[in-house]
Amino acid sequence: MITYFIKLFTLCNFVSFSHGATTAPKRANWFQAPELPSPIDALSLDSQSATLKRFVVDTDPLAVCNDGSPAVYYFSKGDHRLWLVSLEGGGWCWDDSTCSQRYRESPFYMSSRSYSAQVEMTGVFSNDPEKSPMSRATKVFVKYCSSDGYSGDDTRPPPAELADHIAAASSPSSTAPGAANATNQDDDGAAGKWAFRGARIVRAVLDQLNTRHGLGQDPPPGPPGSAQDQQASSGVDVLAETVLVFGGTSAGGRGAMFHLDAARTKLAALPGRVRVLGMLDSPLWVDLQPLYRNLPPLQNQTAWVQRLAQAYDLDVLDPICARDHAPAIWKCMFGQYRIPYLKTRHLLMASSSDWFQLDQLLGRDPTTKNEFEYAAAFSVYTRNLLRELTGPFSSHRTTAYSQACYNHAVSDDPQFYQVETNLGHSEAGALGAFLVATNSFDSQIGTLGGKGTARVGAGGIWDMDDCDGFACGSGCRPALPLWPLAAGIFFYMAWLIVVLRVCFLLSTKPELKPELEPELELKPARP
């Protein structure tokens, strides 16, 4: 009650003292900073989110987190012929200092000891067919606890054919990023103290999905007399193949980029004839230098992580990419240079105002005129790169989707189906269109609420905001139903009228009428 009267008194004073003011303070004329997009409200959470249960990776005892605890994935059984495997994101570390800080501040990215028995997932994991084309799928969410972008395996020595390139890149005289600051791993202390086995974890998860959950196996027989039982008994496979959408967000998107081709080759040989498609959310790092010199460039970070995590497996780097970019083989872990070598069809989702990259390049949200100009130039660079990756001289295996929004890796978030491009297409619609266009299972996913029509042939730009400036997309904020907005406006106006009325009554002093003096009774004087 006291708080209410304090607020009321403040508002009354504001109304009283602002009387006569005609304009609000203006920003400097030389620049008008755009308003940053606000985060999605909690009311937008999916009412049909998927519940996935925890499984420990036990097929490979060496597939462990940074602290040696076992790797973990979460699983939900759905359509046996439609699978979603998504790798969690969450940055990385590259030396003892950054890894120790990471363990202090975010231990769940380096250890599985605190993982819950189940998780609730939305976005592409949603069970609502109007929100995700993967609503019916068997869903797998791989937890990220290796801090290496799923690239490393420090249990295996580097391949002999890369030995000279590794030595050249580590030399202080090398022009490779981070070479001048290269430190011996034993002296640094991070190697040996932490395990970096992200690549090994991905392989172990795929093996366990096959042996324990039936990925790539013929569908098991159902109840006696059911269509599934008759199909299994007759040996006739109604669906020609199993479709696996293999992807991830942020560091998980980069991890999916590393393992996509190897997964396709490995799973295609299984009896269930698994067809692998990629869904890469925000792996496209661009080769730009930070605006400020004190920020560690992403190029240097990549070279440091590669050396620390022993990320030299040619299945991760791609042998042709390693040959073409040697001795700078770190480029085969960097989106701008790695994506052109992918041989598997994939949907690439990259915001032209990617929050994470701009944070790494600016050290904060854009604030000054120079920072907004840099962010706008970053947007142009990203769009031009997407055109190059999907152009006539590309491999035609990349289908691109790009919002001009200040966000990053939202495919496991409600923004997956809420935020749209200027043309009104969401990431959910882009994924639906991609799956239809690849002739994968158009009979299974429908049109996703009228969106996601097949406009993509062999790669290309499906939809990309082409506006000028930072976070200039008109669909970056989700559209809310009109009735809550109308009700909110009504109640707000009613509250405001009551408050103003109270303020008026409190500020109006009643007129005081002078009291009438009592009339004196005049009596005649006695003689």
Protein backbone atom coordinates (compact mmCIF):
# COMPACT_ATOMS: atom_id res chain seq x y z
CA MET A 1 0.00 0.00 0.00
CA ILE A 2 2.82 2.40 0.85
CA THR A 3 4.49 1.61 -2.49
CA TYR A 4 1.23 2.38 -4.28
CA PHE A 5 0.95 5.81 -2.67
CA ILE A 6 4.61 6.56 -3.48
CA LYS A 7 3.97 5.76 -7.16
CA LEU A 8 0.77 7.78 -7.10
CA PHE A 9 2.56 10.74 -5.52
CA THR A 10 5.34 10.52 -8.15
CA LEU A 11 2.85 10.44 -11.01
CA CYS A 12 0.88 13.33 -9.56
CA ASN A 13 4.04 15.40 -9.24
CA PHE A 14 5.00 14.51 -12.82
CA VAL A 15 1.60 15.64 -14.09
CA SER A 16 1.87 18.82 -12.04
CA PHE A 17 5.45 19.84 -12.86
CA SER A 18 5.37 18.81 -16.53
CA HIS A 19 2.39 21.05 -17.18
CA GLY A 20 3.37 23.44 -19.92
CA ALA A 21 6.20 21.26 -21.37
CA THR A 22 5.68 20.82 -25.12
CA THR A 23 8.52 18.53 -26.27
CA ALA A 24 10.56 15.64 -24.94
CA PRO A 25 14.36 15.80 -24.93
CA LYS A 26 15.82 14.88 -28.34
CA ARG A 27 18.91 12.92 -29.27
CA ALA A 28 21.81 14.69 -30.91
CA ASN A 29 21.01 15.70 -34.48
CA TRP A 30 24.05 13.94 -35.92
CA PHE A 31 22.74 10.47 -35.10
CA GLN A 32 19.54 8.72 -34.11
CA ALA A 33 20.19 5.33 -32.57
CA PRO A 34 17.64 2.66 -33.55
CA GLU A 35 15.78 0.85 -30.81
CA LEU A 36 17.10 -2.63 -30.11
CA PRO A 37 14.63 -5.50 -30.42
CA SER A 38 13.23 -6.62 -27.10
CA PRO A 39 13.38 -10.30 -26.02
CA ILE A 40 10.34 -12.51 -26.54
CA ASP A 41 7.92 -12.45 -23.63
CA ALA A 42 7.49 -15.59 -21.53
CA LEU A 43 3.81 -15.73 -22.58
CA SER A 44 5.00 -16.91 -26.01
CA LEU A 45 6.21 -20.27 -24.68
CA ASP A 46 4.88 -23.25 -26.58
CA SER A 47 1.95 -25.02 -24.94
CA GLN A 48 2.89 -28.20 -26.81
CA SER A 49 6.58 -28.29 -25.97
CA ALA A 50 8.28 -31.68 -26.22
CA THR A 51 9.46 -33.62 -23.17
CA LEU A 52 12.74 -35.46 -23.72
CA LYS A 53 14.29 -37.94 -21.28
CA ARG A 54 17.96 -38.18 -20.38
CA PHE A 55 20.25 -40.93 -21.66
CA VAL A 56 23.92 -41.36 -20.81
CA VAL A 57 26.35 -42.09 -23.65
CA ASP A 58 27.83 -45.42 -22.59
CA THR A 59 28.80 -47.03 -25.89
CA ASP A 60 32.17 -45.24 -25.78
CA PRO A 61 33.78 -44.73 -22.35
CA LEU A 62 36.06 -42.04 -23.77
CA ALA A 63 33.13 -39.87 -24.95
CA VAL A 64 33.15 -37.61 -21.92
CA CYS A 65 32.67 -33.97 -20.96
CA ASN A 66 35.49 -31.58 -20.10
CA ASP A 67 35.55 -32.74 -16.47
CA GLY A 68 35.39 -36.45 -17.31
CA SER A 69 31.68 -36.92 -16.57
CA PRO A 70 29.80 -38.94 -19.22
CA ALA A 71 28.22 -37.22 -22.20
CA VAL A 72 24.42 -36.98 -22.21
CA TYR A 73 21.63 -36.65 -24.75
CA TYR A 74 17.86 -36.31 -24.38
CA PHE A 75 15.45 -38.46 -26.38
CA SER A 76 11.75 -38.50 -27.28
CA LYS A 77 10.31 -41.27 -29.44
CA GLY A 78 8.15 -40.26 -32.41
CA ASP A 79 7.85 -41.23 -36.07
CA HIS A 80 10.37 -44.01 -36.71
CA ARG A 81 11.07 -42.70 -40.21
CA LEU A 82 11.57 -39.06 -39.27
CA TRP A 83 14.36 -38.01 -36.91
CA LEU A 84 15.66 -34.73 -35.54
CA VAL A 85 19.13 -34.64 -33.97
CA SER A 86 20.17 -31.22 -32.68
CA LEU A 87 23.47 -30.28 -31.01
CA GLU A 88 23.26 -27.72 -28.23
CA GLY A 89 25.31 -24.52 -28.52
CA GLY A 90 27.16 -22.49 -25.91
CA GLY A 91 30.49 -20.93 -26.94
CA TRP A 92 33.88 -22.46 -26.13
CA CYS A 93 37.22 -21.87 -24.38
CA TRP A 94 40.80 -21.93 -25.66
CA ASP A 95 43.24 -21.86 -22.73
CA ASP A 96 43.40 -22.54 -19.02
CA SER A 97 42.23 -19.05 -18.11
CA THR A 98 39.11 -19.04 -20.31
CA CYS A 99 38.30 -22.68 -19.49
CA SER A 100 38.64 -22.13 -15.74
CA GLN A 101 36.43 -19.06 -15.94
CA ARG A 102 33.91 -21.02 -18.02
CA TYR A 103 33.82 -23.78 -15.42
CA ARG A 104 33.27 -21.28 -12.61
CA GLU A 105 30.52 -19.35 -14.36
CA SER A 106 28.86 -22.01 -16.57
CA PRO A 107 29.80 -25.47 -15.26
CA PHE A 108 26.89 -27.05 -17.16
CA TYR A 109 28.84 -26.42 -20.39
CA MET A 110 31.74 -28.55 -19.10
CA SER A 111 30.07 -31.19 -16.94
CA SER A 112 26.97 -33.38 -17.01
CA ARG A 113 26.77 -33.79 -13.23
CA SER A 114 23.91 -31.32 -12.83
CA TYR A 115 21.78 -32.44 -15.79
CA SER A 116 18.13 -33.09 -15.02
CA ALA A 117 16.22 -36.29 -15.77
CA GLN A 118 14.23 -34.60 -18.54
CA VAL A 119 13.98 -31.32 -20.43
CA GLU A 120 11.17 -29.35 -22.07
CA MET A 121 12.01 -28.19 -25.59
CA THR A 122 10.21 -25.85 -27.98
CA GLY A 123 10.98 -24.24 -31.32
CA VAL A 124 11.80 -26.92 -33.85
CA PHE A 125 11.14 -29.49 -31.09
CA SER A 126 7.52 -28.39 -30.70
CA ASN A 127 4.84 -31.07 -30.93
CA ASP A 128 2.49 -28.59 -32.61
CA PRO A 129 2.42 -29.18 -36.41
CA GLU A 130 1.49 -25.53 -36.91
CA LYS A 131 4.76 -24.49 -35.27
CA SER A 132 7.29 -27.06 -36.46
CA PRO A 133 7.56 -29.34 -39.49
CA MET A 134 9.35 -31.78 -37.16
CA SER A 135 6.44 -32.11 -34.73
CA ARG A 136 6.02 -35.85 -35.41
CA ALA A 137 9.70 -36.69 -35.43
CA THR A 138 11.74 -38.77 -33.05
CA LYS A 139 13.70 -36.02 -31.32
CA VAL A 140 17.24 -36.02 -29.94
CA PHE A 141 18.91 -33.12 -28.12
CA VAL A 142 22.66 -33.56 -27.53
CA LYS A 143 23.94 -31.62 -24.53
CA TYR A 144 27.08 -29.54 -25.06
CA CYS A 145 29.80 -30.16 -22.46
CA SER A 146 33.05 -30.32 -24.47
CA SER A 147 33.71 -26.57 -25.04
CA ASP A 148 35.23 -27.21 -28.48
CA GLY A 149 32.33 -26.79 -30.88
CA TYR A 150 32.14 -30.62 -31.21
CA SER A 151 35.46 -30.54 -33.08
CA GLY A 152 38.04 -32.14 -30.80
CA ASP A 153 39.30 -35.56 -29.84
CA ASP A 154 42.39 -35.28 -27.69
CA THR A 155 42.66 -39.08 -27.47
CA ARG A 156 43.77 -39.37 -31.09
CA PRO A 157 47.02 -38.05 -32.57
CA PRO A 158 46.78 -35.72 -35.58
CA PRO A 159 46.94 -37.44 -38.99
CA ALA A 160 50.44 -37.70 -40.41
CA GLU A 161 49.54 -35.73 -43.55
CA LEU A 162 48.78 -32.66 -41.43
CA ALA A 163 51.92 -32.76 -39.28
CA ASP A 164 53.85 -30.22 -41.35
CA HIS A 165 50.89 -27.85 -41.57
CA ILE A 166 50.29 -28.03 -37.82
CA ALA A 167 53.94 -27.24 -37.12
CA ALA A 168 53.91 -24.35 -39.60
CA ALA A 169 50.71 -22.87 -38.18
CA SER A 170 52.08 -23.06 -34.62
CA SER A 171 55.31 -21.30 -35.46
CA PRO A 172 55.64 -17.75 -34.05
CA SER A 173 56.72 -16.61 -37.51
CA SER A 174 53.52 -17.94 -39.07
CA THR A 175 50.89 -15.57 -40.43
CA ALA A 176 48.09 -17.79 -39.14
CA PRO A 177 45.75 -16.15 -36.61
CA GLY A 178 46.99 -16.54 -33.07
CA ALA A 179 50.39 -17.88 -34.09
CA ALA A 180 52.26 -15.01 -32.46
CA ASN A 181 50.44 -15.75 -29.20
CA ALA A 182 50.76 -19.50 -29.47
CA THR A 183 51.54 -21.21 -26.19
CA ASN A 184 52.71 -24.69 -25.48
CA GLN A 185 49.73 -26.72 -24.29
CA ASP A 186 51.65 -28.36 -21.46
CA ASP A 187 52.85 -24.99 -20.19
CA ASP A 188 49.40 -23.47 -20.60
CA GLY A 189 47.84 -26.06 -18.35
CA ALA A 190 44.52 -26.54 -20.13
CA ALA A 191 45.58 -29.66 -22.01
CA GLY A 192 45.54 -32.60 -19.65
CA LYS A 193 43.45 -30.72 -17.09
CA TRP A 194 40.35 -30.84 -19.29
CA ALA A 195 39.15 -33.38 -21.86
CA PHE A 196 38.17 -32.03 -25.30
CA ARG A 197 36.22 -34.75 -27.09
CA GLY A 198 33.26 -33.13 -28.83
CA ALA A 199 33.84 -35.01 -32.08
CA ARG A 200 34.01 -38.31 -30.24
CA ILE A 201 30.75 -37.51 -28.43
CA VAL A 202 28.90 -36.90 -31.71
CA ARG A 203 30.08 -40.21 -33.16
CA ALA A 204 29.16 -42.09 -29.98
CA VAL A 205 25.67 -40.56 -29.89
CA LEU A 206 24.98 -41.58 -33.50
CA ASP A 207 26.19 -45.12 -32.76
CA GLN A 208 23.97 -45.35 -29.70
CA LEU A 209 20.94 -44.01 -31.57
CA ASN A 210 21.45 -46.84 -34.04
CA THR A 211 22.03 -49.67 -31.58
CA ARG A 212 19.67 -48.62 -28.78
CA HIS A 213 16.93 -46.55 -30.42
CA GLY A 214 16.74 -48.10 -33.88
CA LEU A 215 18.02 -45.28 -36.11
CA GLY A 216 18.65 -46.81 -39.50
CA GLN A 217 17.02 -50.11 -38.59
CA ASP A 218 13.83 -51.53 -40.07
CA PRO A 219 10.80 -50.45 -38.00
CA PRO A 220 10.05 -52.96 -35.22
CA PRO A 221 6.75 -54.87 -35.38
CA GLY A 222 3.78 -53.30 -33.65
CA PRO A 223 0.79 -54.88 -31.90
CA PRO A 224 -0.56 -58.04 -33.58
CA GLY A 225 -2.78 -57.24 -36.52
CA SER A 226 -1.66 -53.60 -36.78
CA ALA A 227 -0.53 -52.06 -40.05
CA GLN A 228 2.99 -51.85 -38.64
CA ASP A 229 2.91 -55.56 -37.76
CA GLN A 230 1.65 -56.51 -41.23
CA GLN A 231 4.34 -54.35 -42.82
CA ALA A 232 7.09 -55.95 -40.76
CA SER A 233 5.74 -59.47 -41.45
CA SER A 234 5.52 -58.92 -45.20
CA GLY A 235 8.94 -57.33 -45.46
CA VAL A 236 7.46 -54.48 -47.48
CA ASP A 237 8.69 -51.01 -46.51
CA VAL A 238 5.99 -48.42 -47.15
CA LEU A 239 8.31 -45.46 -46.65
CA ALA A 240 11.36 -45.74 -48.89
CA GLU A 241 13.83 -44.24 -46.44
CA THR A 242 14.40 -42.71 -43.02
CA VAL A 243 14.97 -38.95 -43.01
CA LEU A 244 17.31 -37.49 -40.41
CA VAL A 245 17.50 -33.73 -40.00
CA PHE A 246 20.89 -33.23 -38.39
CA GLY A 247 21.68 -29.79 -37.03
CA GLY A 248 22.35 -27.56 -34.08
CA THR A 249 22.47 -24.00 -32.80
CA SER A 250 25.50 -21.71 -32.56
CA ALA A 251 28.43 -23.93 -31.47
CA GLY A 252 26.09 -26.84 -32.16
CA GLY A 253 25.45 -25.48 -35.65
CA ARG A 254 29.18 -25.43 -36.25
CA GLY A 255 29.42 -28.95 -34.87
CA ALA A 256 26.72 -30.12 -37.26
CA MET A 257 28.63 -28.39 -40.06
CA PHE A 258 31.75 -30.42 -39.12
CA HIS A 259 29.98 -33.80 -38.93
CA LEU A 260 27.24 -33.49 -41.56
CA ASP A 261 29.03 -35.22 -44.42
CA ALA A 262 30.52 -37.97 -42.24
CA ALA A 263 27.09 -38.66 -40.71
CA ARG A 264 25.50 -38.89 -44.15
CA THR A 265 28.14 -41.38 -45.35
CA LYS A 266 27.93 -43.47 -42.19
CA LEU A 267 24.14 -43.64 -41.91
CA ALA A 268 23.49 -44.19 -45.61
CA ALA A 269 25.04 -47.65 -45.32
CA LEU A 270 22.58 -48.80 -42.64
CA PRO A 271 19.70 -51.15 -43.55
CA GLY A 272 17.12 -48.44 -42.94
CA ARG A 273 18.56 -46.27 -45.73
CA VAL A 274 18.89 -43.08 -43.71
CA ARG A 275 18.87 -39.89 -45.72
CA VAL A 276 20.63 -37.03 -43.90
CA LEU A 277 19.82 -33.36 -44.37
CA GLY A 278 21.39 -30.46 -42.51
CA MET A 279 19.78 -27.69 -40.48
CA LEU A 280 22.63 -25.35 -39.58
CA ASP A 281 21.55 -22.53 -37.28
CA SER A 282 24.05 -19.64 -37.01
CA PRO A 283 27.36 -21.35 -37.91
CA LEU A 284 28.31 -18.72 -40.52
CA TRP A 285 31.20 -16.80 -38.98
CA VAL A 286 32.53 -14.13 -41.31
CA ASP A 287 36.17 -13.16 -41.68
CA LEU A 288 36.11 -9.64 -40.25
CA GLN A 289 38.36 -8.08 -37.63
CA PRO A 290 36.87 -6.65 -34.40
CA LEU A 291 36.33 -2.92 -34.22
CA TYR A 292 38.49 -2.74 -31.08
CA ARG A 293 41.94 -4.27 -30.80
CA ASN A 294 41.55 -5.62 -27.30
CA LEU A 295 38.92 -8.17 -28.42
CA PRO A 296 40.14 -11.68 -29.35
CA PRO A 297 39.18 -12.22 -33.02
CA LEU A 298 37.06 -15.24 -33.85
CA GLN A 299 39.78 -16.31 -36.28
CA ASN A 300 42.32 -16.48 -33.45
CA GLN A 301 39.86 -18.24 -31.17
CA THR A 302 39.30 -20.89 -33.84
CA ALA A 303 43.05 -21.51 -34.26
CA TRP A 304 43.54 -21.70 -30.48
CA VAL A 305 40.65 -24.15 -30.01
CA GLN A 306 41.87 -26.30 -32.86
CA ARG A 307 45.30 -26.61 -31.26
CA LEU A 308 44.01 -27.14 -27.71
CA ALA A 309 41.29 -29.67 -28.61
CA GLN A 310 43.43 -31.47 -31.21
CA ALA A 311 40.71 -30.83 -33.79
CA TYR A 312 42.62 -32.25 -36.71
CA ASP A 313 40.39 -35.17 -37.73
CA LEU A 314 39.93 -35.02 -41.49
CA ASP A 315 36.29 -36.07 -41.13
CA VAL A 316 35.82 -32.84 -39.18
CA LEU A 317 37.99 -30.59 -41.36
CA ASP A 318 37.27 -32.20 -44.76
CA PRO A 319 40.44 -33.38 -46.54
CA ILE A 320 39.93 -31.18 -49.60
CA CYS A 321 39.37 -28.10 -47.44
CA ALA A 322 42.51 -28.89 -45.41
CA ARG A 323 44.51 -29.28 -48.61
CA ASP A 324 43.22 -26.06 -50.15
CA HIS A 325 43.77 -23.89 -47.06
CA ALA A 326 46.98 -25.38 -45.69
CA PRO A 327 48.77 -24.37 -43.58
CA ALA A 328 45.83 -22.24 -42.31
CA ILE A 329 43.73 -25.33 -41.64
CA TRP A 330 41.80 -23.41 -38.93
CA LYS A 331 39.75 -22.08 -41.84
CA CYS A 332 38.14 -25.51 -42.16
CA MET A 333 36.49 -24.83 -38.78
CA PHE A 334 35.34 -21.35 -39.82
CA GLY A 335 31.91 -21.04 -41.44
CA GLN A 336 32.83 -18.71 -44.29
CA TYR A 337 35.46 -21.16 -45.54
CA ARG A 338 34.02 -24.52 -44.44
CA ILE A 339 30.47 -24.32 -45.81
CA PRO A 340 31.51 -24.33 -49.51
CA TYR A 341 32.99 -27.83 -49.01
CA LEU A 342 29.81 -29.44 -47.66
CA LYS A 343 28.50 -32.23 -49.86
CA THR A 344 25.19 -32.77 -48.04
CA ARG A 345 22.08 -30.68 -48.73
CA HIS A 346 21.47 -28.30 -45.86
CA LEU A 347 19.46 -25.28 -44.77
CA LEU A 348 21.73 -22.47 -43.58
CA MET A 349 20.09 -19.99 -41.20
CA ALA A 350 22.10 -16.83 -40.56
CA SER A 351 20.88 -13.48 -39.30
CA SER A 352 22.50 -10.52 -41.04
CA SER A 353 22.59 -8.78 -37.62
CA ASP A 354 23.79 -11.85 -35.75
CA TRP A 355 23.93 -10.98 -32.06
CA PHE A 356 26.80 -13.30 -31.10
CA GLN A 357 29.18 -12.23 -33.84
CA LEU A 358 28.50 -8.54 -33.29
CA ASP A 359 29.10 -9.07 -29.57
CA GLN A 360 32.46 -10.65 -30.40
CA LEU A 361 33.32 -7.90 -32.89
CA LEU A 362 32.15 -4.94 -30.78
CA GLY A 363 32.34 -6.26 -27.25
CA ARG A 364 28.80 -5.06 -26.48
CA ASP A 365 25.53 -4.05 -28.11
CA PRO A 366 26.01 -1.28 -30.72
CA THR A 367 25.91 2.06 -28.96
CA THR A 368 27.98 4.68 -30.78
CA LYS A 369 27.71 5.99 -34.33
CA ASN A 370 30.82 4.04 -35.39
CA GLU A 371 29.45 0.84 -33.86
CA PHE A 372 26.13 1.13 -35.67
CA GLU A 373 27.94 1.83 -38.94
CA TYR A 374 30.11 -1.24 -38.33
CA ALA A 375 27.01 -3.34 -37.59
CA ALA A 376 25.39 -2.12 -40.84
CA ALA A 377 28.54 -3.02 -42.79
CA PHE A 378 28.54 -6.45 -41.13
CA SER A 379 24.98 -6.94 -42.35
CA VAL A 380 25.94 -6.11 -45.94
CA TYR A 381 28.96 -8.41 -45.78
CA THR A 382 26.84 -11.29 -44.48
CA ARG A 383 24.20 -10.90 -47.19
CA ASN A 384 26.84 -10.77 -49.94
CA LEU A 385 28.49 -13.88 -48.53
CA LEU A 386 25.16 -15.74 -48.53
CA ARG A 387 24.67 -14.79 -52.17
CA GLU A 388 28.14 -16.13 -52.95
CA LEU A 389 27.54 -19.40 -51.08
CA THR A 390 24.30 -20.00 -53.01
CA GLY A 391 25.24 -18.40 -56.34
CA PRO A 392 25.81 -19.94 -59.77
CA PHE A 393 29.40 -20.91 -58.93
CA SER A 394 28.50 -22.63 -55.67
CA SER A 395 27.95 -26.33 -55.00
CA HIS A 396 24.15 -25.77 -55.03
CA ARG A 397 23.85 -27.72 -51.78
CA THR A 398 23.17 -24.69 -49.58
CA THR A 399 19.70 -23.23 -49.13
CA ALA A 400 19.91 -19.94 -47.23
CA TYR A 401 17.46 -18.15 -44.98
CA SER A 402 18.35 -14.84 -43.36
CA GLN A 403 16.47 -12.42 -41.12
CA ALA A 404 17.70 -8.87 -40.51
CA CYS A 405 17.15 -9.31 -36.77
CA TYR A 406 19.40 -8.82 -33.77
CA ASN A 407 19.19 -12.44 -32.64
CA HIS A 408 21.22 -15.62 -32.77
CA ALA A 409 20.49 -19.35 -32.88
CA VAL A 410 16.73 -19.33 -32.23
CA SER A 411 15.66 -22.65 -33.74
CA ASP A 412 15.10 -24.19 -30.28
CA ASP A 413 13.24 -21.09 -29.12
CA PRO A 414 9.69 -19.78 -29.77
CA GLN A 415 11.28 -17.26 -32.14
CA PHE A 416 11.68 -20.23 -34.52
CA TYR A 417 8.03 -19.86 -35.51
CA GLN A 418 7.30 -16.30 -34.30
CA VAL A 419 9.95 -14.06 -35.85
CA GLU A 420 9.67 -13.53 -39.60
CA THR A 421 11.38 -11.90 -42.53
CA ASN A 422 9.95 -8.85 -44.28
CA LEU A 423 8.05 -11.24 -46.57
CA GLY A 424 6.43 -12.97 -43.60
CA HIS A 425 8.42 -16.22 -43.51
CA SER A 426 9.67 -17.76 -40.26
CA GLU A 427 12.49 -20.25 -39.76
CA ALA A 428 9.77 -22.89 -39.33
CA GLY A 429 8.42 -22.02 -42.77
CA ALA A 430 11.93 -22.08 -44.24
CA LEU A 431 12.60 -25.55 -42.86
CA GLY A 432 9.25 -26.82 -44.10
CA ALA A 433 9.92 -25.45 -47.58
CA PHE A 434 13.40 -26.94 -47.59
CA LEU A 435 12.12 -30.40 -46.70
CA VAL A 436 9.43 -30.23 -49.37
CA ALA A 437 11.87 -28.96 -51.99
CA THR A 438 14.33 -31.76 -51.32
CA ASN A 439 11.53 -34.27 -52.06
CA SER A 440 12.03 -35.73 -48.61
CA PHE A 441 8.59 -36.13 -47.09
CA ASP A 442 6.17 -33.57 -48.48
CA SER A 443 3.30 -35.94 -47.70
CA GLN A 444 4.25 -35.91 -44.03
CA ILE A 445 4.73 -32.25 -43.17
CA GLY A 446 2.04 -30.44 -45.16
CA THR A 447 2.31 -26.70 -45.64
CA LEU A 448 2.95 -25.62 -42.03
CA GLY A 449 0.03 -23.31 -41.63
CA GLY A 450 0.12 -22.05 -45.20
CA LYS A 451 3.81 -21.16 -45.09
CA GLY A 452 6.79 -22.99 -46.42
CA THR A 453 5.75 -23.49 -50.03
CA ALA A 454 8.39 -25.19 -52.15
CA ARG A 455 10.18 -22.39 -53.96
CA VAL A 456 13.67 -23.89 -53.71
CA GLY A 457 15.28 -26.09 -56.29
CA ALA A 458 18.91 -27.12 -55.97
CA GLY A 459 20.04 -24.64 -53.33
CA GLY A 460 19.71 -20.87 -53.44
CA ILE A 461 18.32 -18.05 -51.32
CA TRP A 462 14.92 -19.06 -49.99
CA ASP A 463 14.24 -15.77 -48.23
CA MET A 464 16.58 -13.01 -47.09
CA ASP A 465 15.86 -9.56 -45.69
CA ASP A 466 17.60 -7.09 -47.96
CA CYS A 467 17.01 -3.87 -46.03
CA ASP A 468 19.70 -1.33 -45.18
CA GLY A 469 20.96 -0.81 -41.66
CA PHE A 470 21.27 -2.67 -38.39
CA ALA A 471 18.41 -4.98 -37.34
CA CYS A 472 16.18 -3.42 -39.97
CA GLY A 473 13.79 -6.35 -40.45
CA SER A 474 10.11 -5.54 -40.04
CA GLY A 475 9.25 -9.01 -38.72
CA CYS A 476 11.80 -9.21 -35.92
CA ARG A 477 9.19 -8.90 -33.20
CA PRO A 478 6.56 -11.63 -33.03
CA ALA A 479 2.97 -10.74 -33.81
CA LEU A 480 0.77 -11.10 -30.74
CA PRO A 481 -3.00 -11.76 -30.75
CA LEU A 482 -5.04 -8.56 -30.90
CA TRP A 483 -7.37 -9.26 -27.97
CA PRO A 484 -4.65 -9.14 -25.26
CA LEU A 485 -3.40 -5.88 -26.74
CA ALA A 486 -6.89 -4.35 -26.84
CA ALA A 487 -7.64 -5.51 -23.31
CA GLY A 488 -4.34 -4.16 -22.09
CA ILE A 489 -4.98 -0.76 -23.65
CA PHE A 490 -8.49 -0.64 -22.14
CA PHE A 491 -7.33 -1.48 -18.61
CA TYR A 492 -4.37 0.88 -18.89
CA MET A 493 -6.58 3.78 -19.99
CA ALA A 494 -9.06 3.00 -17.20
CA TRP A 495 -6.24 2.96 -14.66
CA LEU A 496 -4.82 6.21 -16.04
CA ILE A 497 -8.21 7.95 -15.81
CA VAL A 498 -8.59 6.86 -12.20
CA VAL A 499 -5.09 8.03 -11.32
CA LEU A 500 -5.53 11.39 -13.01
CA ARG A 501 -8.84 11.84 -11.26
CA VAL A 502 -7.26 11.11 -7.88
CA CYS A 503 -4.40 13.48 -8.69
CA PHE A 504 -6.89 16.17 -9.59
CA LEU A 505 -8.79 15.70 -6.35
CA LEU A 506 -5.60 15.73 -4.32
CA SER A 507 -4.31 18.89 -6.00
CA THR A 508 -7.58 20.83 -5.75
CA LYS A 509 -7.95 22.80 -2.54
CA PRO A 510 -11.55 23.36 -1.43
CA GLU A 511 -12.57 26.97 -1.04
CA LEU A 512 -12.92 27.94 2.60
CA LYS A 513 -16.01 29.97 3.31
CA PRO A 514 -15.58 32.56 6.07
CA GLU A 515 -17.47 31.66 9.17
CA LEU A 516 -20.32 33.99 10.03
CA GLU A 517 -19.88 35.79 13.26
CA PRO A 518 -22.75 35.18 15.60
CA GLU A 519 -25.22 37.99 15.64
CA LEU A 520 -25.20 39.91 18.87
CA GLU A 521 -28.55 40.25 20.47
CA LEU A 522 -29.06 43.91 21.11
CA LYS A 523 -31.01 44.58 24.19
CA PRO A 524 -32.13 48.00 25.26
CA ALA A 525 -30.17 49.37 28.11
CA ARG A 526 -31.91 49.54 31.40
CA PRO A 527 -32.63 52.98 32.66
